[in-house]
């Protein structure tokens, strides 16, 4: 039985070609031996619309389409940086778009997948922004702007995000324990996989229903990595440089 792979927080962009090279090596190597690939958000550093594809976005679409044509099912969940990725790009890349929360049967264990930013409820300022940018009317308004205007918005948003990160405590930007427990209860699962926080780890969680596990994916800032699940278990794998 082929393994299932999970990645998130690659933050691909033209300005950092090394990450794209790692991703290309991943797609032409380990990913070809998988049955399914789940991308849990922030594949790209920013996204201003399917009508304004960067060189990196075009190359990624071609590589993902090839992987899908080889028989690997590829899924994409929006992150806090690439929430405007639409159906046109998904079709071009051979990706199936997922909702904000998705439960899958991972080799017999019901597992909740999500990007992870919805769990960071202590960051009240960010959650307010998240509600705004996820609103379909707001998104339609942004996509109606010119490409130049959207680029300026993206630059401003990145600067604001950097300032917010620098001025906020690490605890505020991490997940809230109550939000995690609530997600487990709502979906009735014993396992959760997410990214966003850039704090890769495997956390044991004790619920009223019994023990559970929360797995946090690594970012690709310093090197590429992926989570591999198989009937034999789950392990984090670092890409060869």
Protein backbone atom coordinates (compact mmCIF):
# COMPACT_ATOMS: atom_id res chain seq x y z
CA UNK A 1 0.00 0.00 0.00
CA UNK A 2 1.43 3.36 -1.05
CA UNK A 3 2.09 6.02 1.63
CA UNK A 4 0.23 9.29 2.03
CA UNK A 5 2.33 12.45 2.21
CA UNK A 6 1.64 15.81 3.87
CA UNK A 7 3.38 19.16 3.41
CA UNK A 8 2.65 22.79 4.28
CA UNK A 9 4.24 26.21 4.62
CA UNK A 10 6.59 26.03 1.65
CA UNK A 11 6.07 29.76 0.95
CA UNK A 12 7.25 29.43 -2.64
CA UNK A 13 8.06 32.60 -4.57
CA UNK A 14 10.27 33.72 -7.43
CA UNK A 15 12.60 35.54 -5.03
CA UNK A 16 13.62 32.31 -3.25
CA UNK A 17 14.39 29.76 -5.99
CA UNK A 18 15.97 27.25 -3.59
CA UNK A 19 12.58 26.29 -2.14
CA UNK A 20 11.19 25.69 -5.61
CA UNK A 21 14.18 23.49 -6.37
CA UNK A 22 13.52 21.47 -3.20
CA UNK A 23 9.87 21.15 -4.14
CA UNK A 24 10.74 20.05 -7.66
CA UNK A 25 13.04 17.37 -6.27
CA UNK A 26 10.29 16.26 -3.89
CA UNK A 27 7.69 16.00 -6.67
CA UNK A 28 10.01 14.06 -8.98
CA UNK A 29 11.31 11.86 -6.17
CA UNK A 30 9.50 10.82 -2.95
CA UNK A 31 6.11 12.07 -4.11
CA UNK A 32 6.08 9.73 -7.10
CA UNK A 33 6.02 6.76 -4.74
CA UNK A 34 2.97 8.04 -2.83
CA UNK A 35 -0.69 7.32 -3.32
CA UNK A 36 -1.86 10.74 -2.15
CA UNK A 37 -0.30 14.14 -1.48
CA UNK A 38 -1.96 16.69 0.80
CA UNK A 39 -0.77 20.30 0.68
CA UNK A 40 -2.12 21.94 3.85
CA UNK A 41 -1.76 25.61 2.98
CA UNK A 42 0.84 28.29 2.30
CA UNK A 43 2.27 26.51 -0.70
CA UNK A 44 2.97 30.04 -1.95
CA UNK A 45 4.26 33.11 -0.11
CA UNK A 46 1.40 35.17 -1.54
CA UNK A 47 -1.32 34.84 -4.15
CA UNK A 48 -3.12 37.70 -5.86
CA UNK A 49 -5.32 35.70 -8.22
CA UNK A 50 -5.33 32.93 -10.79
CA UNK A 51 -4.97 35.53 -13.53
CA UNK A 52 -1.56 36.71 -12.28
CA UNK A 53 0.67 33.65 -12.18
CA UNK A 54 4.31 34.03 -11.26
CA UNK A 55 6.98 31.98 -12.98
CA UNK A 56 7.12 29.81 -9.87
CA UNK A 57 3.36 29.24 -9.88
CA UNK A 58 3.44 28.15 -13.52
CA UNK A 59 6.30 25.74 -12.91
CA UNK A 60 4.57 24.31 -9.85
CA UNK A 61 1.35 23.76 -11.79
CA UNK A 62 3.20 21.86 -14.50
CA UNK A 63 5.04 19.67 -11.98
CA UNK A 64 1.91 18.92 -9.94
CA UNK A 65 -0.07 18.10 -13.09
CA UNK A 66 2.64 15.63 -14.08
CA UNK A 67 2.53 14.03 -10.63
CA UNK A 68 -1.25 13.67 -10.87
CA UNK A 69 -0.99 12.19 -14.35
CA UNK A 70 1.38 9.59 -12.90
CA UNK A 71 -1.40 8.44 -10.57
CA UNK A 72 -0.79 10.41 -7.37
CA UNK A 73 -3.92 12.13 -6.07
CA UNK A 74 -3.10 15.71 -5.06
CA UNK A 75 -5.12 17.83 -2.65
CA UNK A 76 -4.81 21.47 -1.68
CA UNK A 77 -6.08 23.35 1.38
CA UNK A 78 -5.86 27.15 1.53
CA UNK A 79 -3.45 28.78 3.95
CA UNK A 80 -3.26 32.30 5.31
CA UNK A 81 -0.98 33.37 2.45
CA UNK A 82 -2.58 31.66 -0.56
CA UNK A 83 -6.28 31.82 0.32
CA UNK A 84 -7.08 33.29 -3.11
CA UNK A 85 -5.96 30.21 -5.03
CA UNK A 86 -9.01 29.43 -7.17
CA UNK A 87 -10.53 26.67 -9.23
CA UNK A 88 -8.78 27.75 -12.42
CA UNK A 89 -5.34 27.23 -10.94
CA UNK A 90 -6.42 24.06 -9.14
CA UNK A 91 -7.58 22.58 -12.45
CA UNK A 92 -4.36 23.65 -14.16
CA UNK A 93 -2.28 21.99 -11.44
CA UNK A 94 -4.47 18.91 -11.10
CA UNK A 95 -5.36 19.74 -7.52
CA UNK A 96 -8.57 18.98 -5.67
CA UNK A 97 -9.51 21.88 -3.40
CA UNK A 98 -10.39 20.98 0.19
CA UNK A 99 -12.53 22.89 2.71
CA UNK A 100 -10.97 24.57 5.74
CA UNK A 101 -11.36 21.37 7.76
CA UNK A 102 -11.30 17.90 6.24
CA UNK A 103 -11.48 14.48 7.90
CA UNK A 104 -9.84 11.57 6.08
CA UNK A 105 -9.42 7.90 6.88
CA UNK A 106 -5.64 7.61 7.24
CA UNK A 107 -4.93 3.89 7.18
CA UNK A 108 -7.77 3.17 9.58
CA UNK A 109 -7.45 6.27 11.80
CA UNK A 110 -9.90 9.16 11.27
CA UNK A 111 -7.68 12.21 10.93
CA UNK A 112 -8.58 15.91 10.85
CA UNK A 113 -6.63 18.05 8.39
CA UNK A 114 -6.48 21.84 8.59
CA UNK A 115 -4.02 24.63 7.91
CA UNK A 116 -3.85 25.50 11.60
CA UNK A 117 -4.37 29.26 11.71
CA UNK A 118 -7.97 28.84 12.90
CA UNK A 119 -6.58 27.28 16.09
CA UNK A 120 -4.55 30.38 17.04
CA UNK A 121 -7.49 32.08 18.74
CA UNK A 122 -5.37 34.00 21.27
CA UNK A 123 -4.22 36.20 18.39
CA UNK A 124 -7.42 38.25 18.30
CA UNK A 125 -6.09 40.74 15.77
CA UNK A 126 -5.18 38.01 13.32
CA UNK A 127 -8.50 36.20 13.73
CA UNK A 128 -10.36 39.39 12.82
CA UNK A 129 -8.22 39.71 9.70
CA UNK A 130 -8.78 36.04 8.88
CA UNK A 131 -12.55 36.47 8.97
CA UNK A 132 -12.25 39.41 6.59
CA UNK A 133 -10.01 37.80 3.97
CA UNK A 134 -12.02 34.57 3.98
CA UNK A 135 -15.23 36.45 3.22
CA UNK A 136 -16.34 35.71 -0.39
CA UNK A 137 -17.53 39.29 -0.97
CA UNK A 138 -14.21 40.73 0.20
CA UNK A 139 -12.33 38.30 -2.03
CA UNK A 140 -14.48 39.21 -5.04
CA UNK A 141 -13.75 42.88 -4.42
CA UNK A 142 -10.02 42.28 -4.29
CA UNK A 143 -9.99 40.15 -7.43
CA UNK A 144 -11.85 42.92 -9.27
CA UNK A 145 -8.86 45.25 -8.76
CA UNK A 146 -6.07 45.54 -11.29
CA UNK A 147 -3.06 43.26 -10.98
CA UNK A 148 -0.90 46.23 -10.04
CA UNK A 149 -3.29 47.20 -7.23
CA UNK A 150 -3.37 43.65 -5.93
CA UNK A 151 0.42 43.48 -5.95
CA UNK A 152 0.59 46.60 -3.82
CA UNK A 153 -1.96 45.09 -1.42
CA UNK A 154 0.13 41.93 -1.16
CA UNK A 155 3.29 43.93 -0.41
CA UNK A 156 1.49 45.91 2.28
CA UNK A 157 0.01 42.75 3.78
CA UNK A 158 3.40 41.06 3.96
CA UNK A 159 4.92 44.07 5.72
CA UNK A 160 2.03 44.24 8.16
CA UNK A 161 2.33 40.52 8.86
CA UNK A 162 6.05 40.87 9.57
CA UNK A 163 5.46 43.74 11.97
CA UNK A 164 2.66 41.86 13.71
CA UNK A 165 4.85 38.78 14.11
CA UNK A 166 7.73 40.82 15.54
CA UNK A 167 5.50 42.61 18.03
CA UNK A 168 3.52 39.56 19.21
CA UNK A 169 4.57 36.93 21.73
CA UNK A 170 5.23 33.41 20.50
CA UNK A 171 2.53 32.10 22.84
CA UNK A 172 -0.15 34.28 21.26
CA UNK A 173 0.74 33.07 17.78
CA UNK A 174 0.64 29.39 18.75
CA UNK A 175 -2.50 27.27 18.96
CA UNK A 176 -4.98 27.67 21.79
CA UNK A 177 -5.50 24.46 23.79
CA UNK A 178 -9.25 24.98 24.06
CA UNK A 179 -9.53 25.54 20.30
CA UNK A 180 -7.63 22.31 19.71
CA UNK A 181 -9.88 20.37 22.09
CA UNK A 182 -12.96 21.87 20.44
CA UNK A 183 -11.79 20.80 16.96
CA UNK A 184 -11.17 17.26 18.21
CA UNK A 185 -14.63 17.10 19.81
CA UNK A 186 -16.49 18.56 16.83
CA UNK A 187 -15.05 16.00 14.47
CA UNK A 188 -14.75 13.08 16.86
CA UNK A 189 -11.28 12.06 15.70
CA UNK A 190 -8.17 10.88 17.59
CA UNK A 191 -5.63 12.58 15.30
CA UNK A 192 -5.07 16.04 13.82
CA UNK A 193 -2.49 17.21 11.27
CA UNK A 194 -1.83 20.89 10.55
CA UNK A 195 0.84 23.43 9.70
CA UNK A 196 0.94 27.24 10.03
CA UNK A 197 2.75 27.60 13.37
CA UNK A 198 6.17 26.54 12.01
CA UNK A 199 6.67 24.46 15.16
CA UNK A 200 6.98 20.86 13.95
CA UNK A 201 6.18 18.37 16.68
CA UNK A 202 3.96 15.50 17.73
CA UNK A 203 1.78 16.42 20.71
CA UNK A 204 -0.09 13.96 22.90
CA UNK A 205 -3.55 15.28 23.78
CA UNK A 206 -5.83 13.86 26.45
CA UNK A 207 -9.54 14.20 25.63
CA UNK A 208 -12.60 13.07 27.54
CA UNK A 209 -12.99 10.40 24.87
CA UNK A 210 -9.42 9.20 25.34
CA UNK A 211 -5.89 9.89 24.06
CA UNK A 212 -5.35 11.83 20.83
CA UNK A 213 -2.43 13.21 18.83
CA UNK A 214 -1.76 16.58 17.16
CA UNK A 215 0.94 16.56 14.51
CA UNK A 216 2.43 19.88 13.35
CA UNK A 217 4.12 20.03 9.96
CA UNK A 218 7.45 21.76 9.37
CA UNK A 219 7.99 24.81 7.17
CA UNK A 220 10.43 24.86 4.26
CA UNK A 221 12.45 27.93 5.26
CA UNK A 222 15.76 26.14 5.83
CA UNK A 223 15.18 22.78 4.15
CA UNK A 224 12.39 20.70 2.66
CA UNK A 225 10.54 18.03 4.58
CA UNK A 226 7.35 16.03 4.52
CA UNK A 227 5.24 13.83 6.76
CA UNK A 228 4.81 10.27 5.53
CA UNK A 229 1.99 8.05 6.74
CA UNK A 230 1.75 4.35 5.97
CA UNK A 231 0.22 1.25 7.58
CA UNK A 232 3.47 0.99 9.55
CA UNK A 233 3.10 4.42 11.17
CA UNK A 234 3.93 8.09 10.66
CA UNK A 235 7.33 9.73 10.32
CA UNK A 236 8.77 13.10 9.39
CA UNK A 237 11.28 12.93 6.55
CA UNK A 238 13.86 15.57 5.69
CA UNK A 239 14.69 15.95 2.01
CA UNK A 240 18.23 15.24 0.92
CA UNK A 241 20.00 18.51 0.08
